[in-house]
Amino acid sequence: MAKEKKWRKIYLVLMIFFYAVFVPVTFAEWLLGEGGFPLTAIVVGMALPYMRKNHLLQLQKQ
């Protein structure tokens, strides 16, 4: 259970950074014409919750 608790904290920090900083900055750059289409932000934004859920389930099985 210690591993699961550690990974929950890591994912929390990762998700806060990604959704509060990376996605808004990437979309702002795209809207202002300074960057390309934010495909990475969209893909990772959709995949991160599933990745977290799957990884934590695997830790619970161990």
PDB file of N, CA and C in Angstrom:
ATOM      1  N   MET A   1       0.816  -1.203   0.000  1.00  0.00           N
ATOM      2  CA  MET A   1       0.000   0.000   0.000  1.00  0.00           C
ATOM      3  C   MET A   1       0.856   1.261   0.000  1.00  0.00           C
ATOM      4  N   ALA A   2       2.093   1.176   0.458  1.00  0.00           N
ATOM      5  CA  ALA A   2       2.961   2.354   0.462  1.00  0.00           C
ATOM      6  C   ALA A   2       3.288   2.791  -0.958  1.00  0.00           C
ATOM      7  N   LYS A   3       3.480   1.808  -1.856  1.00  0.00           N
ATOM      8  CA  LYS A   3       3.747   2.145  -3.250  1.00  0.00           C
ATOM      9  C   LYS A   3       2.556   2.861  -3.871  1.00  0.00           C
ATOM     10  N   GLU A   4       1.370   2.365  -3.563  1.00  0.00           N
ATOM     11  CA  GLU A   4       0.164   2.970  -4.127  1.00  0.00           C
ATOM     12  C   GLU A   4       0.008   4.405  -3.634  1.00  0.00           C
ATOM     13  N   LYS A   5       0.262   4.629  -2.362  1.00  0.00           N
ATOM     14  CA  LYS A   5       0.153   5.968  -1.790  1.00  0.00           C
ATOM     15  C   LYS A   5       1.164   6.914  -2.438  1.00  0.00           C
ATOM     16  N   LYS A   6       2.380   6.410  -2.644  1.00  0.00           N
ATOM     17  CA  LYS A   6       3.419   7.209  -3.288  1.00  0.00           C
ATOM     18  C   LYS A   6       3.013   7.585  -4.710  1.00  0.00           C
ATOM     19  N   TRP A   7       2.493   6.617  -5.450  1.00  0.00           N
ATOM     20  CA  TRP A   7       2.111   6.877  -6.834  1.00  0.00           C
ATOM     21  C   TRP A   7       0.891   7.777  -6.927  1.00  0.00           C
ATOM     22  N   ARG A   8      -0.012   7.703  -5.960  1.00  0.00           N
ATOM     23  CA  ARG A   8      -1.158   8.619  -5.957  1.00  0.00           C
ATOM     24  C   ARG A   8      -0.685  10.062  -5.849  1.00  0.00           C
ATOM     25  N   LYS A   9       0.313  10.306  -4.999  1.00  0.00           N
ATOM     26  CA  LYS A   9       0.864  11.655  -4.846  1.00  0.00           C
ATOM     27  C   LYS A   9       1.558  12.104  -6.130  1.00  0.00           C
ATOM     28  N   ILE A  10       2.306  11.202  -6.739  1.00  0.00           N
ATOM     29  CA  ILE A  10       3.003  11.540  -7.988  1.00  0.00           C
ATOM     30  C   ILE A  10       2.004  11.894  -9.075  1.00  0.00           C
ATOM     31  N   TYR A  11       0.962  11.086  -9.218  1.00  0.00           N
ATOM     32  CA  TYR A  11      -0.053  11.361 -10.239  1.00  0.00           C
ATOM     33  C   TYR A  11      -0.806  12.650  -9.942  1.00  0.00           C
ATOM     34  N   LEU A  12      -1.049  12.948  -8.688  1.00  0.00           N
ATOM     35  CA  LEU A  12      -1.723  14.189  -8.329  1.00  0.00           C
ATOM     36  C   LEU A  12      -0.904  15.392  -8.786  1.00  0.00           C
ATOM     37  N   VAL A  13       0.383  15.374  -8.486  1.00  0.00           N
ATOM     38  CA  VAL A  13       1.257  16.480  -8.897  1.00  0.00           C
ATOM     39  C   VAL A  13       1.325  16.563 -10.414  1.00  0.00           C
ATOM     40  N   LEU A  14       1.446  15.415 -11.067  1.00  0.00           N
ATOM     41  CA  LEU A  14       1.520  15.376 -12.526  1.00  0.00           C
ATOM     42  C   LEU A  14       0.246  15.925 -13.169  1.00  0.00           C
ATOM     43  N   MET A  15      -0.901  15.538 -12.644  1.00  0.00           N
ATOM     44  CA  MET A  15      -2.169  15.990 -13.216  1.00  0.00           C
ATOM     45  C   MET A  15      -2.393  17.483 -12.954  1.00  0.00           C
ATOM     46  N   ILE A  16      -2.031  17.959 -11.781  1.00  0.00           N
ATOM     47  CA  ILE A  16      -2.166  19.387 -11.496  1.00  0.00           C
ATOM     48  C   ILE A  16      -1.287  20.187 -12.441  1.00  0.00           C
ATOM     49  N   PHE A  17      -0.042  19.768 -12.597  1.00  0.00           N
ATOM     50  CA  PHE A  17       0.850  20.484 -13.516  1.00  0.00           C
ATOM     51  C   PHE A  17       0.293  20.455 -14.930  1.00  0.00           C
ATOM     52  N   PHE A  18      -0.112  19.287 -15.368  1.00  0.00           N
ATOM     53  CA  PHE A  18      -0.535  19.151 -16.758  1.00  0.00           C
ATOM     54  C   PHE A  18      -1.789  19.951 -17.056  1.00  0.00           C
ATOM     55  N   TYR A  19      -2.820  19.808 -16.216  1.00  0.00           N
ATOM     56  CA  TYR A  19      -4.092  20.471 -16.493  1.00  0.00           C
ATOM     57  C   TYR A  19      -4.104  21.943 -16.105  1.00  0.00           C
ATOM     58  N   ALA A  20      -3.269  22.353 -15.173  1.00  0.00           N
ATOM     59  CA  ALA A  20      -3.274  23.752 -14.739  1.00  0.00           C
ATOM     60  C   ALA A  20      -2.240  24.605 -15.466  1.00  0.00           C
ATOM     61  N   VAL A  21      -1.182  23.982 -15.998  1.00  0.00           N
ATOM     62  CA  VAL A  21      -0.118  24.755 -16.626  1.00  0.00           C
ATOM     63  C   VAL A  21       0.048  24.407 -18.103  1.00  0.00           C
ATOM     64  N   PHE A  22       0.330  23.158 -18.398  1.00  0.00           N
ATOM     65  CA  PHE A  22       0.709  22.766 -19.750  1.00  0.00           C
ATOM     66  C   PHE A  22      -0.414  22.952 -20.768  1.00  0.00           C
ATOM     67  N   VAL A  23      -1.595  22.454 -20.461  1.00  0.00           N
ATOM     68  CA  VAL A  23      -2.707  22.554 -21.420  1.00  0.00           C
ATOM     69  C   VAL A  23      -3.102  24.013 -21.689  1.00  0.00           C
ATOM     70  N   PRO A  24      -3.311  24.841 -20.670  1.00  0.00           N
ATOM     71  CA  PRO A  24      -3.682  26.232 -20.972  1.00  0.00           C
ATOM     72  C   PRO A  24      -2.613  26.996 -21.757  1.00  0.00           C
ATOM     73  N   VAL A  25      -1.351  26.779 -21.422  1.00  0.00           N
ATOM     74  CA  VAL A  25      -0.275  27.470 -22.138  1.00  0.00           C
ATOM     75  C   VAL A  25      -0.219  27.003 -23.587  1.00  0.00           C
ATOM     76  N   THR A  26      -0.343  25.703 -23.808  1.00  0.00           N
ATOM     77  CA  THR A  26      -0.296  25.164 -25.167  1.00  0.00           C
ATOM     78  C   THR A  26      -1.457  25.693 -26.004  1.00  0.00           C
ATOM     79  N   PHE A  27      -2.657  25.714 -25.445  1.00  0.00           N
ATOM     80  CA  PHE A  27      -3.804  26.220 -26.191  1.00  0.00           C
ATOM     81  C   PHE A  27      -3.704  27.727 -26.417  1.00  0.00           C
ATOM     82  N   ALA A  28      -3.170  28.467 -25.457  1.00  0.00           N
ATOM     83  CA  ALA A  28      -2.995  29.910 -25.647  1.00  0.00           C
ATOM     84  C   ALA A  28      -2.012  30.189 -26.774  1.00  0.00           C
ATOM     85  N   GLU A  29      -0.913  29.442 -26.809  1.00  0.00           N
ATOM     86  CA  GLU A  29       0.053  29.609 -27.889  1.00  0.00           C
ATOM     87  C   GLU A  29      -0.585  29.299 -29.242  1.00  0.00           C
ATOM     88  N   TRP A  30      -1.405  28.258 -29.271  1.00  0.00           N
ATOM     89  CA  TRP A  30      -2.053  27.879 -30.523  1.00  0.00           C
ATOM     90  C   TRP A  30      -3.036  28.964 -30.978  1.00  0.00           C
ATOM     91  N   LEU A  31      -3.820  29.473 -30.037  1.00  0.00           N
ATOM     92  CA  LEU A  31      -4.799  30.508 -30.390  1.00  0.00           C
ATOM     93  C   LEU A  31      -4.141  31.821 -30.797  1.00  0.00           C
ATOM     94  N   LEU A  32      -2.985  32.112 -30.213  1.00  0.00           N
ATOM     95  CA  LEU A  32      -2.274  33.341 -30.554  1.00  0.00           C
ATOM     96  C   LEU A  32      -1.419  33.184 -31.812  1.00  0.00           C
ATOM     97  N   GLY A  33      -1.365  31.986 -32.351  1.00  0.00           N
ATOM     98  CA  GLY A  33      -0.626  31.761 -33.587  1.00  0.00           C
ATOM     99  C   GLY A  33       0.861  31.544 -33.411  1.00  0.00           C
ATOM    100  N   GLU A  34       1.305  31.329 -32.187  1.00  0.00           N
ATOM    101  CA  GLU A  34       2.733  31.157 -31.932  1.00  0.00           C
ATOM    102  C   GLU A  34       3.167  29.704 -31.951  1.00  0.00           C
ATOM    103  N   GLY A  35       2.239  28.792 -31.922  1.00  0.00           N
ATOM    104  CA  GLY A  35       2.580  27.373 -31.906  1.00  0.00           C
ATOM    105  C   GLY A  35       1.682  26.602 -32.848  1.00  0.00           C
ATOM    106  N   GLY A  36       2.040  25.356 -33.059  1.00  0.00           N
ATOM    107  CA  GLY A  36       1.225  24.505 -33.916  1.00  0.00           C
ATOM    108  C   GLY A  36       0.021  23.955 -33.172  1.00  0.00           C
ATOM    109  N   PHE A  37      -0.736  23.111 -33.846  1.00  0.00           N
ATOM    110  CA  PHE A  37      -1.920  22.500 -33.250  1.00  0.00           C
ATOM    111  C   PHE A  37      -1.521  21.696 -32.014  1.00  0.00           C
ATOM    112  N   PRO A  38      -2.217  21.842 -30.886  1.00  0.00           N
ATOM    113  CA  PRO A  38      -1.816  21.207 -29.622  1.00  0.00           C
ATOM    114  C   PRO A  38      -2.203  19.722 -29.538  1.00  0.00           C
ATOM    115  N   LEU A  39      -1.743  18.933 -30.465  1.00  0.00           N
ATOM    116  CA  LEU A  39      -2.080  17.512 -30.491  1.00  0.00           C
ATOM    117  C   LEU A  39      -1.553  16.785 -29.253  1.00  0.00           C
ATOM    118  N   THR A  40      -0.345  17.095 -28.843  1.00  0.00           N
ATOM    119  CA  THR A  40       0.234  16.446 -27.659  1.00  0.00           C
ATOM    120  C   THR A  40      -0.606  16.719 -26.419  1.00  0.00           C
ATOM    121  N   ALA A  41      -1.031  17.953 -26.231  1.00  0.00           N
ATOM    122  CA  ALA A  41      -1.846  18.312 -25.068  1.00  0.00           C
ATOM    123  C   ALA A  41      -3.170  17.564 -25.087  1.00  0.00           C
ATOM    124  N   ILE A  42      -3.767  17.406 -26.255  1.00  0.00           N
ATOM    125  CA  ILE A  42      -5.046  16.702 -26.360  1.00  0.00           C
ATOM    126  C   ILE A  42      -4.882  15.215 -26.061  1.00  0.00           C
ATOM    127  N   VAL A  43      -3.877  14.594 -26.669  1.00  0.00           N
ATOM    128  CA  VAL A  43      -3.670  13.152 -26.487  1.00  0.00           C
ATOM    129  C   VAL A  43      -3.313  12.822 -25.046  1.00  0.00           C
ATOM    130  N   VAL A  44      -2.367  13.533 -24.491  1.00  0.00           N
ATOM    131  CA  VAL A  44      -1.957  13.255 -23.104  1.00  0.00           C
ATOM    132  C   VAL A  44      -3.076  13.622 -22.141  1.00  0.00           C
ATOM    133  N   GLY A  45      -3.794  14.677 -22.426  1.00  0.00           N
ATOM    134  CA  GLY A  45      -4.914  15.081 -21.575  1.00  0.00           C
ATOM    135  C   GLY A  45      -6.011  14.032 -21.512  1.00  0.00           C
ATOM    136  N   MET A  46      -6.213  13.337 -22.617  1.00  0.00           N
ATOM    137  CA  MET A  46      -7.227  12.275 -22.627  1.00  0.00           C
ATOM    138  C   MET A  46      -6.683  10.967 -22.053  1.00  0.00           C
ATOM    139  N   ALA A  47      -5.405  10.712 -22.214  1.00  0.00           N
ATOM    140  CA  ALA A  47      -4.828   9.432 -21.802  1.00  0.00           C
ATOM    141  C   ALA A  47      -4.395   9.395 -20.334  1.00  0.00           C
ATOM    142  N   LEU A  48      -4.047  10.527 -19.762  1.00  0.00           N
ATOM    143  CA  LEU A  48      -3.512  10.564 -18.398  1.00  0.00           C
ATOM    144  C   LEU A  48      -4.442   9.955 -17.349  1.00  0.00           C
ATOM    145  N   PRO A  49      -5.736  10.252 -17.326  1.00  0.00           N
ATOM    146  CA  PRO A  49      -6.602   9.620 -16.319  1.00  0.00           C
ATOM    147  C   PRO A  49      -6.685   8.095 -16.466  1.00  0.00           C
ATOM    148  N   TYR A  50      -6.700   7.601 -17.698  1.00  0.00           N
ATOM    149  CA  TYR A  50      -6.742   6.153 -17.923  1.00  0.00           C
ATOM    150  C   TYR A  50      -5.430   5.491 -17.511  1.00  0.00           C
ATOM    151  N   MET A  51      -4.319   6.164 -17.805  1.00  0.00           N
ATOM    152  CA  MET A  51      -3.019   5.643 -17.421  1.00  0.00           C
ATOM    153  C   MET A  51      -2.919   5.551 -15.895  1.00  0.00           C
ATOM    154  N   ARG A  52      -3.372   6.593 -15.210  1.00  0.00           N
ATOM    155  CA  ARG A  52      -3.347   6.611 -13.745  1.00  0.00           C
ATOM    156  C   ARG A  52      -4.194   5.471 -13.171  1.00  0.00           C
ATOM    157  N   LYS A  53      -5.405   5.338 -13.676  1.00  0.00           N
ATOM    158  CA  LYS A  53      -6.316   4.308 -13.176  1.00  0.00           C
ATOM    159  C   LYS A  53      -5.738   2.906 -13.374  1.00  0.00           C
ATOM    160  N   ASN A  54      -5.220   2.634 -14.556  1.00  0.00           N
ATOM    161  CA  ASN A  54      -4.652   1.330 -14.864  1.00  0.00           C
ATOM    162  C   ASN A  54      -3.443   1.032 -13.982  1.00  0.00           C
ATOM    163  N   HIS A  55      -2.569   2.003 -13.804  1.00  0.00           N
ATOM    164  CA  HIS A  55      -1.373   1.785 -13.000  1.00  0.00           C
ATOM    165  C   HIS A  55      -1.722   1.532 -11.536  1.00  0.00           C
ATOM    166  N   LEU A  56      -2.665   2.304 -10.993  1.00  0.00           N
ATOM    167  CA  LEU A  56      -3.048   2.099  -9.601  1.00  0.00           C
ATOM    168  C   LEU A  56      -3.752   0.754  -9.403  1.00  0.00           C
ATOM    169  N   LEU A  57      -4.532   0.315 -10.357  1.00  0.00           N
ATOM    170  CA  LEU A  57      -5.159  -1.004 -10.266  1.00  0.00           C
ATOM    171  C   LEU A  57      -4.116  -2.118 -10.264  1.00  0.00           C
ATOM    172  N   GLN A  58      -3.082  -1.970 -11.079  1.00  0.00           N
ATOM    173  CA  GLN A  58      -2.006  -2.964 -11.101  1.00  0.00           C
ATOM    174  C   GLN A  58      -1.269  -3.006  -9.771  1.00  0.00           C
ATOM    175  N   LEU A  59      -1.062  -1.850  -9.146  1.00  0.00           N
ATOM    176  CA  LEU A  59      -0.419  -1.826  -7.838  1.00  0.00           C
ATOM    177  C   LEU A  59      -1.285  -2.480  -6.774  1.00  0.00           C
ATOM    178  N   GLN A  60      -2.606  -2.314  -6.862  1.00  0.00           N
ATOM    179  CA  GLN A  60      -3.500  -2.936  -5.900  1.00  0.00           C
ATOM    180  C   GLN A  60      -3.487  -4.457  -6.035  1.00  0.00           C
ATOM    181  N   LYS A  61      -3.338  -4.959  -7.254  1.00  0.00           N
ATOM    182  CA  LYS A  61      -3.309  -6.413  -7.480  1.00  0.00           C
ATOM    183  C   LYS A  61      -2.063  -7.047  -6.890  1.00  0.00           C
ATOM    184  N   GLN A  62      -0.970  -6.274  -6.852  1.00  0.00           N
ATOM    185  CA  GLN A  62       0.272  -6.814  -6.294  1.00  0.00           C
ATOM    186  C   GLN A  62       0.131  -6.860  -4.808  1.00  0.00           C
TER     187      GLN A  62
END
